[in-house]
Protein backbone atom coordinates (compact mmCIF):
# COMPACT_ATOMS: atom_id res chain seq x y z
CA MET A 1 -10.54 -5.70 13.54
CA GLN A 2 -13.86 -6.21 13.63
CA ALA A 3 -15.81 -8.36 11.44
CA SER A 4 -17.63 -5.26 9.62
CA GLU A 5 -14.23 -3.18 8.93
CA THR A 6 -12.69 -3.09 5.89
CA ALA A 7 -8.86 -5.63 5.74
CA ALA A 8 -5.92 -3.96 4.10
CA ILE A 9 -4.43 -6.10 2.21
CA GLY A 10 -0.38 -5.22 1.12
CA ILE A 11 1.04 -6.04 -2.15
CA VAL A 12 4.44 -4.99 -2.93
CA THR A 13 6.56 -5.56 -5.98
CA VAL A 14 10.00 -5.49 -5.43
CA SER A 15 11.15 -4.31 -9.04
CA ASP A 16 14.81 -2.07 -9.92
CA ARG A 17 12.95 -1.22 -13.52
CA ALA A 18 9.92 -1.42 -12.37
CA SER A 19 9.99 1.28 -9.84
CA VAL A 20 12.34 4.19 -11.92
CA GLY A 21 9.18 3.44 -14.53
CA THR A 22 11.83 0.84 -17.34
CA TYR A 23 8.72 -0.98 -17.45
CA THR A 24 5.27 -1.82 -16.41
CA ASP A 25 4.62 -3.29 -13.29
CA THR A 26 2.36 -6.35 -14.20
CA SER A 27 2.76 -8.89 -11.08
CA GLY A 28 1.57 -6.59 -9.14
CA PRO A 29 -1.94 -6.33 -10.29
CA ALA A 30 -2.03 -9.37 -11.29
CA ILE A 31 -2.34 -10.12 -7.56
CA GLU A 32 -4.97 -7.50 -6.78
CA GLU A 33 -7.17 -8.38 -9.70
CA PHE A 34 -7.13 -12.50 -8.38
CA LEU A 35 -7.82 -11.28 -4.83
CA ARG A 36 -10.51 -9.28 -6.58
CA GLU A 37 -11.46 -12.69 -7.96
CA VAL A 38 -11.46 -14.63 -4.89
CA VAL A 39 -12.11 -13.06 -1.87
CA THR A 40 -15.36 -13.02 -0.59
CA THR A 41 -14.98 -10.21 2.26
CA SER A 42 -14.69 -5.93 2.76
CA TRP A 43 -10.92 -5.26 1.01
CA ARG A 44 -8.60 -2.45 -0.01
CA ALA A 45 -5.50 -2.99 -1.75
CA LEU A 46 -2.41 -1.04 -0.70
CA ARG A 47 -0.07 -1.47 -3.49
CA ARG A 48 3.70 -0.31 -3.36
CA LEU A 49 6.38 -0.67 -6.27
CA VAL A 50 10.20 -0.35 -5.19
CA PRO A 51 12.88 -1.53 -5.64
CA ASP A 52 15.65 -4.24 -5.03
CA GLY A 53 17.46 -4.48 -1.87
CA ILE A 54 16.78 -4.38 2.28
CA ASP A 55 16.21 -1.52 3.10
CA SER A 56 13.53 -0.55 0.73
CA VAL A 57 11.68 -3.83 1.21
CA ARG A 58 11.93 -3.76 5.11
CA ASP A 59 10.80 0.08 5.12
CA THR A 60 7.95 -0.66 3.03
CA LEU A 61 7.13 -4.24 4.92
CA ILE A 62 6.86 -2.83 8.06
CA GLU A 63 4.75 0.49 6.59
CA LEU A 64 2.79 -1.63 5.69
CA ALA A 65 1.75 -3.88 8.31
CA ASP A 66 2.76 -1.47 11.53
CA ARG A 67 1.16 1.92 9.72
CA GLU A 68 -0.86 0.94 7.60
CA LYS A 69 -2.32 -2.14 10.15
CA CYS A 70 -2.32 -4.78 7.06
CA ALA A 71 -3.81 -7.87 7.97
CA LEU A 72 -1.84 -9.52 5.46
CA VAL A 73 0.54 -8.42 2.96
CA PHE A 74 1.70 -10.42 -0.79
CA THR A 75 5.32 -9.83 -1.81
CA THR A 76 6.22 -10.42 -5.80
CA GLY A 77 9.35 -9.49 -7.49
CA GLY A 78 13.11 -8.86 -6.30
CA THR A 79 16.59 -11.21 -7.19
């Protein structure tokens, strides 16, 4: 990645209930808000909300790392 490029940062919330709309995810947006306050270089957020489970988390991390080329991926939630 060149210094002038916009970095992609993945934010993955793992939650069965939030992924089906039982409640609103607040941790993913909180991470994004924090990053907007402290990261001074150009970046864009790629947020994902997935149900609990090895397959859903694995597939999402592969997508963000390999396909979207995220420089960093945050995860939150999961049981």
